[in-house]
Amino acid sequence: MGFGAQPSADADSTFVGRNDHLARLTQLLDHAAEGNPGALLVHGEVGVGKSRFLREFAGGARRSGSQML
């Protein structure tokens, strides 16, 4: 099952906070789209929402026309 085909356990919950982090990721995506590749490490304790955060970012990026792997 690919990334986009995974059912989201949190599909009915509201994503709050992390707007600054999402904005920073969006800046990095824009920078990459201009031909400047980069890398990113997301780390944190178990259960703090790393996967959810990245799903939220990827969903927004797809809606903006970016391809996400």
Protein backbone atom coordinates (compact mmCIF):
# COMPACT_ATOMS: atom_id res chain seq x y z
CA MET A 1 0.00 0.00 0.00
CA GLY A 2 1.51 3.34 -1.04
CA PHE A 3 1.75 6.42 1.12
CA GLY A 4 -1.30 8.08 -0.40
CA ALA A 5 -3.41 4.95 -0.08
CA GLN A 6 -2.96 4.54 3.66
CA PRO A 7 -6.09 5.20 5.65
CA SER A 8 -5.53 7.86 8.24
CA ALA A 9 -6.46 6.94 11.78
CA ASP A 10 -6.63 10.65 12.53
CA ALA A 11 -8.69 11.68 9.50
CA ASP A 12 -11.50 12.98 11.70
CA SER A 13 -9.31 14.84 14.17
CA THR A 14 -8.25 18.46 13.92
CA PHE A 15 -4.56 19.22 13.47
CA VAL A 16 -3.55 22.06 15.78
CA GLY A 17 -0.26 23.75 16.47
CA ARG A 18 2.95 23.30 14.54
CA ASN A 19 2.05 26.10 12.13
CA ASP A 20 5.58 27.50 12.39
CA HIS A 21 7.02 24.08 11.57
CA LEU A 22 4.65 23.62 8.63
CA ALA A 23 5.59 27.06 7.32
CA ARG A 24 9.30 26.16 7.52
CA LEU A 25 8.72 22.93 5.60
CA THR A 26 6.78 24.86 2.98
CA GLN A 27 9.73 27.26 2.61
CA LEU A 28 12.06 24.29 2.14
CA LEU A 29 9.72 22.80 -0.47
CA ASP A 30 9.59 26.10 -2.35
CA HIS A 31 13.39 26.29 -2.22
CA ALA A 32 13.64 22.76 -3.63
CA ALA A 33 11.15 23.61 -6.40
CA GLU A 34 13.52 26.41 -7.42
CA GLY A 35 16.24 23.79 -8.03
CA ASN A 36 17.91 23.85 -4.63
CA PRO A 37 17.68 20.34 -3.18
CA GLY A 38 18.07 19.71 0.50
CA ALA A 39 17.43 17.23 3.27
CA LEU A 40 15.39 17.32 6.43
CA LEU A 41 15.42 15.29 9.63
CA VAL A 42 12.29 15.09 11.75
CA HIS A 43 12.94 13.66 15.18
CA GLY A 44 11.21 13.47 18.51
CA GLU A 45 10.01 11.17 21.22
CA VAL A 46 7.66 8.31 20.43
CA GLY A 47 4.08 9.52 20.17
CA VAL A 48 4.68 13.26 19.72
CA GLY A 49 3.11 13.31 16.24
CA LYS A 50 5.99 13.10 13.76
CA SER A 51 4.05 10.91 11.32
CA ARG A 52 0.90 13.01 11.61
CA PHE A 53 2.92 16.19 11.08
CA LEU A 54 4.47 14.80 7.89
CA ARG A 55 1.09 13.54 6.62
CA GLU A 56 -0.37 17.02 7.12
CA PHE A 57 2.55 18.59 5.27
CA ALA A 58 2.43 16.06 2.42
CA GLY A 59 -1.33 16.54 2.01
CA GLY A 60 -0.95 20.30 1.76
CA ALA A 61 1.95 19.96 -0.66
CA ARG A 62 -0.07 17.62 -2.90
CA ARG A 63 -3.01 20.04 -2.87
CA SER A 64 -0.57 22.73 -4.04
CA GLY A 65 0.53 20.56 -6.96
CA SER A 66 3.72 19.01 -5.59
CA GLN A 67 4.52 15.35 -5.98
CA MET A 68 5.33 13.61 -2.73
CA LEU A 69 6.98 10.22 -2.39
